[in-house]
mmCIF file of all heavy atoms, coordinates in Angstrom:
data_MODEL
# 
_entry.id   MODEL 
# 
loop_
_atom_site.group_PDB 
_atom_site.id 
_atom_site.type_symbol 
_atom_site.label_atom_id 
_atom_site.label_alt_id 
_atom_site.label_comp_id 
_atom_site.label_asym_id 
_atom_site.label_entity_id 
_atom_site.label_seq_id 
_atom_site.pdbx_PDB_ins_code 
_atom_site.Cartn_x 
_atom_site.Cartn_y 
_atom_site.Cartn_z 
_atom_site.occupancy 
_atom_site.B_iso_or_equiv 
_atom_site.pdbx_formal_charge 
_atom_site.auth_seq_id 
_atom_site.auth_comp_id 
_atom_site.auth_asym_id 
_atom_site.auth_atom_id 
_atom_site.pdbx_PDB_model_num 
ATOM 1   N N   . GLU A 1 1  ? -32.345 19.702 47.549 1.00 0.00 ? 1  GLU A N   1 
ATOM 2   C CA  . GLU A 1 1  ? -33.540 19.490 48.365 1.00 0.00 ? 1  GLU A CA  1 
ATOM 3   C C   . GLU A 1 1  ? -33.374 18.282 49.274 1.00 0.00 ? 1  GLU A C   1 
ATOM 4   O O   . GLU A 1 1  ? -33.820 18.278 50.421 1.00 0.00 ? 1  GLU A O   1 
ATOM 5   C CB  . GLU A 1 1  ? -34.766 19.307 47.466 1.00 0.00 ? 1  GLU A CB  1 
ATOM 6   C CG  . GLU A 1 1  ? -35.201 20.594 46.770 1.00 0.00 ? 1  GLU A CG  1 
ATOM 7   C CD  . GLU A 1 1  ? -36.322 20.357 45.761 1.00 0.00 ? 1  GLU A CD  1 
ATOM 8   O OE1 . GLU A 1 1  ? -36.573 19.188 45.417 1.00 0.00 ? 1  GLU A OE1 1 
ATOM 9   O OE2 . GLU A 1 1  ? -36.939 21.344 45.327 1.00 0.00 ? 1  GLU A OE2 1 
ATOM 10  N N   . GLN A 1 2  ? -32.730 17.240 48.744 1.00 0.00 ? 2  GLN A N   1 
ATOM 11  C CA  . GLN A 1 2  ? -32.526 16.031 49.531 1.00 0.00 ? 2  GLN A CA  1 
ATOM 12  C C   . GLN A 1 2  ? -31.436 16.219 50.575 1.00 0.00 ? 2  GLN A C   1 
ATOM 13  O O   . GLN A 1 2  ? -31.448 15.600 51.637 1.00 0.00 ? 2  GLN A O   1 
ATOM 14  C CB  . GLN A 1 2  ? -32.166 14.860 48.612 1.00 0.00 ? 2  GLN A CB  1 
ATOM 15  C CG  . GLN A 1 2  ? -33.326 14.429 47.731 1.00 0.00 ? 2  GLN A CG  1 
ATOM 16  C CD  . GLN A 1 2  ? -32.887 13.613 46.540 1.00 0.00 ? 2  GLN A CD  1 
ATOM 17  O OE1 . GLN A 1 2  ? -31.697 13.517 46.246 1.00 0.00 ? 2  GLN A OE1 1 
ATOM 18  N NE2 . GLN A 1 2  ? -33.833 13.040 45.835 1.00 0.00 ? 2  GLN A NE2 1 
ATOM 19  N N   . LEU A 1 3  ? -30.492 17.093 50.261 1.00 0.00 ? 3  LEU A N   1 
ATOM 20  C CA  . LEU A 1 3  ? -29.347 17.289 51.143 1.00 0.00 ? 3  LEU A CA  1 
ATOM 21  C C   . LEU A 1 3  ? -29.677 18.202 52.315 1.00 0.00 ? 3  LEU A C   1 
ATOM 22  O O   . LEU A 1 3  ? -29.272 17.966 53.447 1.00 0.00 ? 3  LEU A O   1 
ATOM 23  C CB  . LEU A 1 3  ? -28.184 17.876 50.334 1.00 0.00 ? 3  LEU A CB  1 
ATOM 24  C CG  . LEU A 1 3  ? -26.851 18.063 51.034 1.00 0.00 ? 3  LEU A CG  1 
ATOM 25  C CD1 . LEU A 1 3  ? -26.288 16.714 51.447 1.00 0.00 ? 3  LEU A CD1 1 
ATOM 26  C CD2 . LEU A 1 3  ? -25.878 18.792 50.133 1.00 0.00 ? 3  LEU A CD2 1 
ATOM 27  N N   . VAL A 1 4  ? -30.435 19.254 52.044 1.00 0.00 ? 4  VAL A N   1 
ATOM 28  C CA  . VAL A 1 4  ? -30.665 20.285 53.048 1.00 0.00 ? 4  VAL A CA  1 
ATOM 29  C C   . VAL A 1 4  ? -31.731 19.855 54.046 1.00 0.00 ? 4  VAL A C   1 
ATOM 30  O O   . VAL A 1 4  ? -32.807 19.412 53.679 1.00 0.00 ? 4  VAL A O   1 
ATOM 31  C CB  . VAL A 1 4  ? -31.070 21.613 52.373 1.00 0.00 ? 4  VAL A CB  1 
ATOM 32  C CG1 . VAL A 1 4  ? -31.457 22.642 53.415 1.00 0.00 ? 4  VAL A CG1 1 
ATOM 33  C CG2 . VAL A 1 4  ? -29.928 22.137 51.517 1.00 0.00 ? 4  VAL A CG2 1 
ATOM 34  N N   . ASP A 1 5  ? -31.406 20.020 55.314 1.00 0.00 ? 5  ASP A N   1 
ATOM 35  C CA  . ASP A 1 5  ? -32.356 19.779 56.390 1.00 0.00 ? 5  ASP A CA  1 
ATOM 36  C C   . ASP A 1 5  ? -33.257 21.011 56.488 1.00 0.00 ? 5  ASP A C   1 
ATOM 37  O O   . ASP A 1 5  ? -32.770 22.122 56.743 1.00 0.00 ? 5  ASP A O   1 
ATOM 38  C CB  . ASP A 1 5  ? -31.567 19.586 57.696 1.00 0.00 ? 5  ASP A CB  1 
ATOM 39  C CG  . ASP A 1 5  ? -32.448 19.250 58.873 1.00 0.00 ? 5  ASP A CG  1 
ATOM 40  O OD1 . ASP A 1 5  ? -33.571 19.788 58.947 1.00 0.00 ? 5  ASP A OD1 1 
ATOM 41  O OD2 . ASP A 1 5  ? -32.014 18.470 59.731 1.00 0.00 ? 5  ASP A OD2 1 
ATOM 42  N N   . PRO A 1 6  ? -34.571 20.867 56.279 1.00 0.00 ? 6  PRO A N   1 
ATOM 43  C CA  . PRO A 1 6  ? -35.461 22.032 56.302 1.00 0.00 ? 6  PRO A CA  1 
ATOM 44  C C   . PRO A 1 6  ? -35.415 22.803 57.610 1.00 0.00 ? 6  PRO A C   1 
ATOM 45  O O   . PRO A 1 6  ? -35.542 24.022 57.621 1.00 0.00 ? 6  PRO A O   1 
ATOM 46  C CB  . PRO A 1 6  ? -36.853 21.431 56.049 1.00 0.00 ? 6  PRO A CB  1 
ATOM 47  C CG  . PRO A 1 6  ? -36.719 19.974 56.316 1.00 0.00 ? 6  PRO A CG  1 
ATOM 48  C CD  . PRO A 1 6  ? -35.307 19.619 56.002 1.00 0.00 ? 6  PRO A CD  1 
ATOM 49  N N   . LYS A 1 7  ? -35.216 22.103 58.719 1.00 0.00 ? 7  LYS A N   1 
ATOM 50  C CA  . LYS A 1 7  ? -35.122 22.782 60.013 1.00 0.00 ? 7  LYS A CA  1 
ATOM 51  C C   . LYS A 1 7  ? -33.880 23.663 60.084 1.00 0.00 ? 7  LYS A C   1 
ATOM 52  O O   . LYS A 1 7  ? -33.912 24.788 60.594 1.00 0.00 ? 7  LYS A O   1 
ATOM 53  C CB  . LYS A 1 7  ? -35.085 21.751 61.142 1.00 0.00 ? 7  LYS A CB  1 
ATOM 54  C CG  . LYS A 1 7  ? -36.423 21.107 61.459 1.00 0.00 ? 7  LYS A CG  1 
ATOM 55  C CD  . LYS A 1 7  ? -37.349 22.106 62.133 1.00 0.00 ? 7  LYS A CD  1 
ATOM 56  C CE  . LYS A 1 7  ? -38.629 21.427 62.584 1.00 0.00 ? 7  LYS A CE  1 
ATOM 57  N NZ  . LYS A 1 7  ? -39.560 22.396 63.216 1.00 0.00 ? 7  LYS A NZ  1 
ATOM 58  N N   . LEU A 1 8  ? -32.760 23.151 59.529 1.00 0.00 ? 8  LEU A N   1 
ATOM 59  C CA  . LEU A 1 8  ? -31.539 23.947 59.502 1.00 0.00 ? 8  LEU A CA  1 
ATOM 60  C C   . LEU A 1 8  ? -31.673 25.109 58.536 1.00 0.00 ? 8  LEU A C   1 
ATOM 61  O O   . LEU A 1 8  ? -31.141 26.195 58.779 1.00 0.00 ? 8  LEU A O   1 
ATOM 62  C CB  . LEU A 1 8  ? -30.345 23.074 59.097 1.00 0.00 ? 8  LEU A CB  1 
ATOM 63  C CG  . LEU A 1 8  ? -29.878 22.049 60.131 1.00 0.00 ? 8  LEU A CG  1 
ATOM 64  C CD1 . LEU A 1 8  ? -28.678 21.290 59.592 1.00 0.00 ? 8  LEU A CD1 1 
ATOM 65  C CD2 . LEU A 1 8  ? -29.537 22.706 61.454 1.00 0.00 ? 8  LEU A CD2 1 
ATOM 66  N N   . LEU A 1 9  ? -32.384 24.885 57.435 1.00 0.00 ? 9  LEU A N   1 
ATOM 67  C CA  . LEU A 1 9  ? -32.592 25.957 56.461 1.00 0.00 ? 9  LEU A CA  1 
ATOM 68  C C   . LEU A 1 9  ? -33.368 27.102 57.105 1.00 0.00 ? 9  LEU A C   1 
ATOM 69  O O   . LEU A 1 9  ? -33.043 28.275 56.912 1.00 0.00 ? 9  LEU A O   1 
ATOM 70  C CB  . LEU A 1 9  ? -33.360 25.420 55.252 1.00 0.00 ? 9  LEU A CB  1 
ATOM 71  C CG  . LEU A 1 9  ? -33.522 26.379 54.071 1.00 0.00 ? 9  LEU A CG  1 
ATOM 72  C CD1 . LEU A 1 9  ? -32.166 26.827 53.535 1.00 0.00 ? 9  LEU A CD1 1 
ATOM 73  C CD2 . LEU A 1 9  ? -34.329 25.723 52.966 1.00 0.00 ? 9  LEU A CD2 1 
ATOM 74  N N   . GLU A 1 10 ? -34.375 26.761 57.885 1.00 0.00 ? 10 GLU A N   1 
ATOM 75  C CA  . GLU A 1 10 ? -35.138 27.781 58.619 1.00 0.00 ? 10 GLU A CA  1 
ATOM 76  C C   . GLU A 1 10 ? -34.219 28.540 59.567 1.00 0.00 ? 10 GLU A C   1 
ATOM 77  O O   . GLU A 1 10 ? -34.300 29.765 59.698 1.00 0.00 ? 10 GLU A O   1 
ATOM 78  C CB  . GLU A 1 10 ? -36.254 27.129 59.426 1.00 0.00 ? 10 GLU A CB  1 
ATOM 79  C CG  . GLU A 1 10 ? -37.413 26.600 58.589 1.00 0.00 ? 10 GLU A CG  1 
ATOM 80  C CD  . GLU A 1 10 ? -38.432 25.856 59.445 1.00 0.00 ? 10 GLU A CD  1 
ATOM 81  O OE1 . GLU A 1 10 ? -38.402 26.045 60.677 1.00 0.00 ? 10 GLU A OE1 1 
ATOM 82  O OE2 . GLU A 1 10 ? -39.234 25.096 58.879 1.00 0.00 ? 10 GLU A OE2 1 
ATOM 83  N N   . THR A 1 11 ? -33.321 27.816 60.207 1.00 0.00 ? 11 THR A N   1 
ATOM 84  C CA  . THR A 1 11 ? -32.403 28.431 61.155 1.00 0.00 ? 11 THR A CA  1 
ATOM 85  C C   . THR A 1 11 ? -31.500 29.449 60.465 1.00 0.00 ? 11 THR A C   1 
ATOM 86  O O   . THR A 1 11 ? -31.310 30.561 60.944 1.00 0.00 ? 11 THR A O   1 
ATOM 87  C CB  . THR A 1 11 ? -31.528 27.353 61.829 1.00 0.00 ? 11 THR A CB  1 
ATOM 88  O OG1 . THR A 1 11 ? -32.381 26.423 62.486 1.00 0.00 ? 11 THR A OG1 1 
ATOM 89  C CG2 . THR A 1 11 ? -30.586 27.963 62.848 1.00 0.00 ? 11 THR A CG2 1 
ATOM 90  N N   . VAL A 1 12 ? -30.974 29.059 59.298 1.00 0.00 ? 12 VAL A N   1 
ATOM 91  C CA  . VAL A 1 12 ? -30.090 29.962 58.549 1.00 0.00 ? 12 VAL A CA  1 
ATOM 92  C C   . VAL A 1 12 ? -30.862 31.186 58.068 1.00 0.00 ? 12 VAL A C   1 
ATOM 93  O O   . VAL A 1 12 ? -30.396 32.317 58.145 1.00 0.00 ? 12 VAL A O   1 
ATOM 94  C CB  . VAL A 1 12 ? -29.461 29.223 57.348 1.00 0.00 ? 12 VAL A CB  1 
ATOM 95  C CG1 . VAL A 1 12 ? -28.696 30.201 56.475 1.00 0.00 ? 12 VAL A CG1 1 
ATOM 96  C CG2 . VAL A 1 12 ? -28.533 28.123 57.842 1.00 0.00 ? 12 VAL A CG2 1 
ATOM 97  N N   . GLN A 1 13 ? -32.081 30.969 57.565 1.00 0.00 ? 13 GLN A N   1 
ATOM 98  C CA  . GLN A 1 13 ? -32.873 32.074 57.048 1.00 0.00 ? 13 GLN A CA  1 
ATOM 99  C C   . GLN A 1 13 ? -33.242 33.078 58.134 1.00 0.00 ? 13 GLN A C   1 
ATOM 100 O O   . GLN A 1 13 ? -33.414 34.252 57.877 1.00 0.00 ? 13 GLN A O   1 
ATOM 101 C CB  . GLN A 1 13 ? -34.146 31.529 56.394 1.00 0.00 ? 13 GLN A CB  1 
ATOM 102 C CG  . GLN A 1 13 ? -33.879 30.798 55.085 1.00 0.00 ? 13 GLN A CG  1 
ATOM 103 C CD  . GLN A 1 13 ? -35.122 30.113 54.544 1.00 0.00 ? 13 GLN A CD  1 
ATOM 104 O OE1 . GLN A 1 13 ? -36.048 29.793 55.275 1.00 0.00 ? 13 GLN A OE1 1 
ATOM 105 N NE2 . GLN A 1 13 ? -35.137 29.881 53.245 1.00 0.00 ? 13 GLN A NE2 1 
ATOM 106 N N   . GLU A 1 14 ? -33.335 32.598 59.387 1.00 0.00 ? 14 GLU A N   1 
ATOM 107 C CA  . GLU A 1 14 ? -33.716 33.468 60.488 1.00 0.00 ? 14 GLU A CA  1 
ATOM 108 C C   . GLU A 1 14 ? -32.517 34.103 61.181 1.00 0.00 ? 14 GLU A C   1 
ATOM 109 O O   . GLU A 1 14 ? -32.664 34.883 62.105 1.00 0.00 ? 14 GLU A O   1 
ATOM 110 C CB  . GLU A 1 14 ? -34.520 32.661 61.518 1.00 0.00 ? 14 GLU A CB  1 
ATOM 111 C CG  . GLU A 1 14 ? -35.835 32.103 61.000 1.00 0.00 ? 14 GLU A CG  1 
ATOM 112 C CD  . GLU A 1 14 ? -36.861 33.179 60.720 1.00 0.00 ? 14 GLU A CD  1 
ATOM 113 O OE1 . GLU A 1 14 ? -36.780 34.246 61.353 1.00 0.00 ? 14 GLU A OE1 1 
ATOM 114 O OE2 . GLU A 1 14 ? -37.721 32.958 59.855 1.00 0.00 ? 14 GLU A OE2 1 
ATOM 115 N N   . GLU A 1 15 ? -31.325 33.772 60.706 1.00 0.00 ? 15 GLU A N   1 
ATOM 116 C CA  . GLU A 1 15 ? -30.122 34.169 61.441 1.00 0.00 ? 15 GLU A CA  1 
ATOM 117 C C   . GLU A 1 15 ? -30.012 35.675 61.631 1.00 0.00 ? 15 GLU A C   1 
ATOM 118 O O   . GLU A 1 15 ? -29.486 36.140 62.640 1.00 0.00 ? 15 GLU A O   1 
ATOM 119 C CB  . GLU A 1 15 ? -28.876 33.646 60.708 1.00 0.00 ? 15 GLU A CB  1 
ATOM 120 C CG  . GLU A 1 15 ? -27.611 33.809 61.506 1.00 0.00 ? 15 GLU A CG  1 
ATOM 121 C CD  . GLU A 1 15 ? -26.453 33.075 60.874 1.00 0.00 ? 15 GLU A CD  1 
ATOM 122 O OE1 . GLU A 1 15 ? -26.639 32.404 59.849 1.00 0.00 ? 15 GLU A OE1 1 
ATOM 123 O OE2 . GLU A 1 15 ? -25.349 33.190 61.417 1.00 0.00 ? 15 GLU A OE2 1 
ATOM 124 N N   . LYS A 1 16 ? -30.519 36.465 60.711 1.00 0.00 ? 16 LYS A N   1 
ATOM 125 C CA  . LYS A 1 16 ? -30.371 37.913 60.797 1.00 0.00 ? 16 LYS A CA  1 
ATOM 126 C C   . LYS A 1 16 ? -31.087 38.507 62.018 1.00 0.00 ? 16 LYS A C   1 
ATOM 127 O O   . LYS A 1 16 ? -30.780 39.618 62.445 1.00 0.00 ? 16 LYS A O   1 
ATOM 128 C CB  . LYS A 1 16 ? -30.904 38.568 59.513 1.00 0.00 ? 16 LYS A CB  1 
ATOM 129 C CG  . LYS A 1 16 ? -32.374 38.320 59.241 1.00 0.00 ? 16 LYS A CG  1 
ATOM 130 C CD  . LYS A 1 16 ? -32.787 38.927 57.912 1.00 0.00 ? 16 LYS A CD  1 
ATOM 131 C CE  . LYS A 1 16 ? -34.269 38.637 57.634 1.00 0.00 ? 16 LYS A CE  1 
ATOM 132 N NZ  . LYS A 1 16 ? -34.684 39.165 56.322 1.00 0.00 ? 16 LYS A NZ  1 
ATOM 133 N N   . VAL A 1 17 ? -32.060 37.780 62.575 1.00 0.00 ? 17 VAL A N   1 
ATOM 134 C CA  . VAL A 1 17 ? -32.784 38.308 63.731 1.00 0.00 ? 17 VAL A CA  1 
ATOM 135 C C   . VAL A 1 17 ? -32.238 37.731 65.034 1.00 0.00 ? 17 VAL A C   1 
ATOM 136 O O   . VAL A 1 17 ? -32.758 38.006 66.102 1.00 0.00 ? 17 VAL A O   1 
ATOM 137 C CB  . VAL A 1 17 ? -34.304 38.003 63.637 1.00 0.00 ? 17 VAL A CB  1 
ATOM 138 C CG1 . VAL A 1 17 ? -34.893 38.632 62.384 1.00 0.00 ? 17 VAL A CG1 1 
ATOM 139 C CG2 . VAL A 1 17 ? -34.595 36.518 63.666 1.00 0.00 ? 17 VAL A CG2 1 
ATOM 140 N N   . TYR A 1 18 ? -31.204 36.928 64.968 1.00 0.00 ? 18 TYR A N   1 
ATOM 141 C CA  . TYR A 1 18 ? -30.633 36.333 66.170 1.00 0.00 ? 18 TYR A CA  1 
ATOM 142 C C   . TYR A 1 18 ? -29.812 37.365 66.942 1.00 0.00 ? 18 TYR A C   1 
ATOM 143 O O   . TYR A 1 18 ? -29.225 38.289 66.366 1.00 0.00 ? 18 TYR A O   1 
ATOM 144 C CB  . TYR A 1 18 ? -29.722 35.160 65.829 1.00 0.00 ? 18 TYR A CB  1 
ATOM 145 C CG  . TYR A 1 18 ? -30.443 33.942 65.283 1.00 0.00 ? 18 TYR A CG  1 
ATOM 146 C CD1 . TYR A 1 18 ? -29.738 32.939 64.629 1.00 0.00 ? 18 TYR A CD1 1 
ATOM 147 C CD2 . TYR A 1 18 ? -31.813 33.791 65.430 1.00 0.00 ? 18 TYR A CD2 1 
ATOM 148 C CE1 . TYR A 1 18 ? -30.385 31.820 64.132 1.00 0.00 ? 18 TYR A CE1 1 
ATOM 149 C CE2 . TYR A 1 18 ? -32.463 32.677 64.945 1.00 0.00 ? 18 TYR A CE2 1 
ATOM 150 C CZ  . TYR A 1 18 ? -31.748 31.697 64.292 1.00 0.00 ? 18 TYR A CZ  1 
ATOM 151 O OH  . TYR A 1 18 ? -32.394 30.595 63.806 1.00 0.00 ? 18 TYR A OH  1 
ATOM 152 N N   . SER A 1 19 ? -29.730 37.128 68.218 1.00 0.00 ? 19 SER A N   1 
ATOM 153 C CA  . SER A 1 19 ? -28.851 37.954 69.042 1.00 0.00 ? 19 SER A CA  1 
ATOM 154 C C   . SER A 1 19 ? -27.408 37.630 68.691 1.00 0.00 ? 19 SER A C   1 
ATOM 155 O O   . SER A 1 19 ? -27.108 36.598 68.083 1.00 0.00 ? 19 SER A O   1 
ATOM 156 C CB  . SER A 1 19 ? -29.100 37.673 70.529 1.00 0.00 ? 19 SER A CB  1 
ATOM 157 O OG  . SER A 1 19 ? -28.721 36.330 70.832 1.00 0.00 ? 19 SER A OG  1 
ATOM 158 N N   . ALA A 1 20 ? -26.509 38.516 69.098 1.00 0.00 ? 20 ALA A N   1 
ATOM 159 C CA  . ALA A 1 20 ? -25.088 38.315 68.807 1.00 0.00 ? 20 ALA A CA  1 
ATOM 160 C C   . ALA A 1 20 ? -24.585 37.013 69.441 1.00 0.00 ? 20 ALA A C   1 
ATOM 161 O O   . ALA A 1 20 ? -23.753 36.309 68.854 1.00 0.00 ? 20 ALA A O   1 
ATOM 162 C CB  . ALA A 1 20 ? -24.285 39.499 69.330 1.00 0.00 ? 20 ALA A CB  1 
ATOM 163 N N   . GLN A 1 21 ? -25.113 36.667 70.632 1.00 0.00 ? 21 GLN A N   1 
ATOM 164 C CA  . GLN A 1 21 ? -24.667 35.447 71.309 1.00 0.00 ? 21 GLN A CA  1 
ATOM 165 C C   . GLN A 1 21 ? -25.041 34.189 70.521 1.00 0.00 ? 21 GLN A C   1 
ATOM 166 O O   . GLN A 1 21 ? -24.230 33.271 70.386 1.00 0.00 ? 21 GLN A O   1 
ATOM 167 C CB  . GLN A 1 21 ? -25.279 35.354 72.722 1.00 0.00 ? 21 GLN A CB  1 
ATOM 168 C CG  . GLN A 1 21 ? -24.776 36.425 73.678 1.00 0.00 ? 21 GLN A CG  1 
ATOM 169 C CD  . GLN A 1 21 ? -25.805 37.514 73.839 1.00 0.00 ? 21 GLN A CD  1 
ATOM 170 O OE1 . GLN A 1 21 ? -26.462 37.888 72.865 1.00 0.00 ? 21 GLN A OE1 1 
ATOM 171 N NE2 . GLN A 1 21 ? -25.940 38.036 75.055 1.00 0.00 ? 21 GLN A NE2 1 
ATOM 172 N N   . ILE A 1 22 ? -26.262 34.164 69.988 1.00 0.00 ? 22 ILE A N   1 
ATOM 173 C CA  . ILE A 1 22 ? -26.697 32.977 69.241 1.00 0.00 ? 22 ILE A CA  1 
ATOM 174 C C   . ILE A 1 22 ? -25.958 32.882 67.910 1.00 0.00 ? 22 ILE A C   1 
ATOM 175 O O   . ILE A 1 22 ? -25.577 31.787 67.475 1.00 0.00 ? 22 ILE A O   1 
ATOM 176 C CB  . ILE A 1 22 ? -28.222 32.983 69.034 1.00 0.00 ? 22 ILE A CB  1 
ATOM 177 C CG1 . ILE A 1 22 ? -28.938 32.887 70.375 1.00 0.00 ? 22 ILE A CG1 1 
ATOM 178 C CG2 . ILE A 1 22 ? -28.652 31.831 68.128 1.00 0.00 ? 22 ILE A CG2 1 
ATOM 179 C CD1 . ILE A 1 22 ? -28.555 31.682 71.215 1.00 0.00 ? 22 ILE A CD1 1 
ATOM 180 N N   . GLN A 1 23 ? -25.737 33.995 67.247 1.00 0.00 ? 23 GLN A N   1 
ATOM 181 C CA  . GLN A 1 23 ? -24.959 33.982 66.008 1.00 0.00 ? 23 GLN A CA  1 
ATOM 182 C C   . GLN A 1 23 ? -23.554 33.440 66.278 1.00 0.00 ? 23 GLN A C   1 
ATOM 183 O O   . GLN A 1 23 ? -23.017 32.657 65.500 1.00 0.00 ? 23 GLN A O   1 
ATOM 184 C CB  . GLN A 1 23 ? -24.887 35.391 65.412 1.00 0.00 ? 23 GLN A CB  1 
ATOM 185 C CG  . GLN A 1 23 ? -26.221 35.873 64.847 1.00 0.00 ? 23 GLN A CG  1 
ATOM 186 C CD  . GLN A 1 23 ? -26.073 37.192 64.110 1.00 0.00 ? 23 GLN A CD  1 
ATOM 187 O OE1 . GLN A 1 23 ? -25.150 37.376 63.319 1.00 0.00 ? 23 GLN A OE1 1 
ATOM 188 N NE2 . GLN A 1 23 ? -26.975 38.109 64.364 1.00 0.00 ? 23 GLN A NE2 1 
ATOM 189 N N   . GLU A 1 24 ? -22.979 33.863 67.391 1.00 0.00 ? 24 GLU A N   1 
ATOM 190 C CA  . GLU A 1 24 ? -21.637 33.384 67.750 1.00 0.00 ? 24 GLU A CA  1 
ATOM 191 C C   . GLU A 1 24 ? -21.675 31.894 68.084 1.00 0.00 ? 24 GLU A C   1 
ATOM 192 O O   . GLU A 1 24 ? -20.750 31.142 67.752 1.00 0.00 ? 24 GLU A O   1 
ATOM 193 C CB  . GLU A 1 24 ? -21.109 34.179 68.940 1.00 0.00 ? 24 GLU A CB  1 
ATOM 194 C CG  . GLU A 1 24 ? -19.735 33.752 69.440 1.00 0.00 ? 24 GLU A CG  1 
ATOM 195 C CD  . GLU A 1 24 ? -18.635 33.883 68.397 1.00 0.00 ? 24 GLU A CD  1 
ATOM 196 O OE1 . GLU A 1 24 ? -18.768 34.748 67.496 1.00 0.00 ? 24 GLU A OE1 1 
ATOM 197 O OE2 . GLU A 1 24 ? -17.652 33.112 68.464 1.00 0.00 ? 24 GLU A OE2 1 
ATOM 198 N N   . ALA A 1 25 ? -22.764 31.452 68.723 1.00 0.00 ? 25 ALA A N   1 
ATOM 199 C CA  . ALA A 1 25 ? -22.902 30.032 69.062 1.00 0.00 ? 25 ALA A CA  1 
ATOM 200 C C   . ALA A 1 25 ? -22.970 29.177 67.800 1.00 0.00 ? 25 ALA A C   1 
ATOM 201 O O   . ALA A 1 25 ? -22.318 28.123 67.715 1.00 0.00 ? 25 ALA A O   1 
ATOM 202 C CB  . ALA A 1 25 ? -24.158 29.818 69.909 1.00 0.00 ? 25 ALA A CB  1 
ATOM 203 N N   . LEU A 1 26 ? -23.759 29.608 66.803 1.00 0.00 ? 26 LEU A N   1 
ATOM 204 C CA  . LEU A 1 26 ? -23.882 28.856 65.546 1.00 0.00 ? 26 LEU A CA  1 
ATOM 205 C C   . LEU A 1 26 ? -22.535 28.799 64.827 1.00 0.00 ? 26 LEU A C   1 
ATOM 206 O O   . LEU A 1 26 ? -22.163 27.762 64.271 1.00 0.00 ? 26 LEU A O   1 
ATOM 207 C CB  . LEU A 1 26 ? -24.935 29.502 64.645 1.00 0.00 ? 26 LEU A CB  1 
ATOM 208 C CG  . LEU A 1 26 ? -26.371 29.525 65.186 1.00 0.00 ? 26 LEU A CG  1 
ATOM 209 C CD1 . LEU A 1 26 ? -27.310 30.205 64.188 1.00 0.00 ? 26 LEU A CD1 1 
ATOM 210 C CD2 . LEU A 1 26 ? -26.860 28.121 65.504 1.00 0.00 ? 26 LEU A CD2 1 
ATOM 211 N N   . LYS A 1 27 ? -21.809 29.905 64.862 1.00 0.00 ? 27 LYS A N   1 
ATOM 212 C CA  . LYS A 1 27 ? -20.486 29.947 64.237 1.00 0.00 ? 27 LYS A CA  1 
ATOM 213 C C   . LYS A 1 27 ? -19.532 28.992 64.951 1.00 0.00 ? 27 LYS A C   1 
ATOM 214 O O   . LYS A 1 27 ? -18.776 28.248 64.311 1.00 0.00 ? 27 LYS A O   1 
ATOM 215 C CB  . LYS A 1 27 ? -19.936 31.378 64.286 1.00 0.00 ? 27 LYS A CB  1 
ATOM 216 C CG  . LYS A 1 27 ? -18.555 31.533 63.664 1.00 0.00 ? 27 LYS A CG  1 
ATOM 217 C CD  . LYS A 1 27 ? -18.053 32.973 63.787 1.00 0.00 ? 27 LYS A CD  1 
ATOM 218 C CE  . LYS A 1 27 ? -16.640 33.095 63.237 1.00 0.00 ? 27 LYS A CE  1 
ATOM 219 N NZ  . LYS A 1 27 ? -16.098 34.473 63.431 1.00 0.00 ? 27 LYS A NZ  1 
ATOM 220 N N   . TYR A 1 28 ? -19.579 28.985 66.275 1.00 0.00 ? 28 TYR A N   1 
ATOM 221 C CA  . TYR A 1 28 ? -18.713 28.101 67.067 1.00 0.00 ? 28 TYR A CA  1 
ATOM 222 C C   . TYR A 1 28 ? -19.003 26.638 66.762 1.00 0.00 ? 28 TYR A C   1 
ATOM 223 O O   . TYR A 1 28 ? -18.081 25.834 66.593 1.00 0.00 ? 28 TYR A O   1 
ATOM 224 C CB  . TYR A 1 28 ? -18.919 28.391 68.557 1.00 0.00 ? 28 TYR A CB  1 
ATOM 225 C CG  . TYR A 1 28 ? -18.007 27.598 69.458 1.00 0.00 ? 28 TYR A CG  1 
ATOM 226 C CD1 . TYR A 1 28 ? -16.752 28.090 69.814 1.00 0.00 ? 28 TYR A CD1 1 
ATOM 227 C CD2 . TYR A 1 28 ? -18.390 26.346 69.956 1.00 0.00 ? 28 TYR A CD2 1 
ATOM 228 C CE1 . TYR A 1 28 ? -15.901 27.357 70.640 1.00 0.00 ? 28 TYR A CE1 1 
ATOM 229 C CE2 . TYR A 1 28 ? -17.556 25.607 70.773 1.00 0.00 ? 28 TYR A CE2 1 
ATOM 230 C CZ  . TYR A 1 28 ? -16.306 26.117 71.111 1.00 0.00 ? 28 TYR A CZ  1 
ATOM 231 O OH  . TYR A 1 28 ? -15.464 25.381 71.917 1.00 0.00 ? 28 TYR A OH  1 
ATOM 232 N N   . VAL A 1 29 ? -20.283 26.296 66.675 1.00 0.00 ? 29 VAL A N   1 
ATOM 233 C CA  . VAL A 1 29 ? -20.672 24.912 66.363 1.00 0.00 ? 29 VAL A CA  1 
ATOM 234 C C   . VAL A 1 29 ? -20.102 24.501 65.009 1.00 0.00 ? 29 VAL A C   1 
ATOM 235 O O   . VAL A 1 29 ? -19.514 23.422 64.866 1.00 0.00 ? 29 VAL A O   1 
ATOM 236 C CB  . VAL A 1 29 ? -22.205 24.753 66.377 1.00 0.00 ? 29 VAL A CB  1 
ATOM 237 C CG1 . VAL A 1 29 ? -22.615 23.407 65.774 1.00 0.00 ? 29 VAL A CG1 1 
ATOM 238 C CG2 . VAL A 1 29 ? -22.740 24.866 67.799 1.00 0.00 ? 29 VAL A CG2 1 
ATOM 239 N N   . ASP A 1 30 ? -20.278 25.346 64.005 1.00 0.00 ? 30 ASP A N   1 
ATOM 240 C CA  . ASP A 1 30 ? -19.789 25.013 62.658 1.00 0.00 ? 30 ASP A CA  1 
ATOM 241 C C   . ASP A 1 30 ? -18.278 24.803 62.643 1.00 0.00 ? 30 ASP A C   1 
ATOM 242 O O   . ASP A 1 30 ? -17.778 23.928 61.937 1.00 0.00 ? 30 ASP A O   1 
ATOM 243 C CB  . ASP A 1 30 ? -20.157 26.134 61.685 1.00 0.00 ? 30 ASP A CB  1 
ATOM 244 C CG  . ASP A 1 30 ? -21.426 25.832 60.925 1.00 0.00 ? 30 ASP A CG  1 
ATOM 245 O OD1 . ASP A 1 30 ? -22.110 24.849 61.276 1.00 0.00 ? 30 ASP A OD1 1 
ATOM 246 O OD2 . ASP A 1 30 ? -21.757 26.575 59.979 1.00 0.00 ? 30 ASP A OD2 1 
# 
């Protein structure tokens, strides 16, 4: 709970509804 950024957690949980471009962008960033 202390480690995880809630905003990032929301982002990961919503990833399935992202467009292919945004999914690729998140992967590139990581």
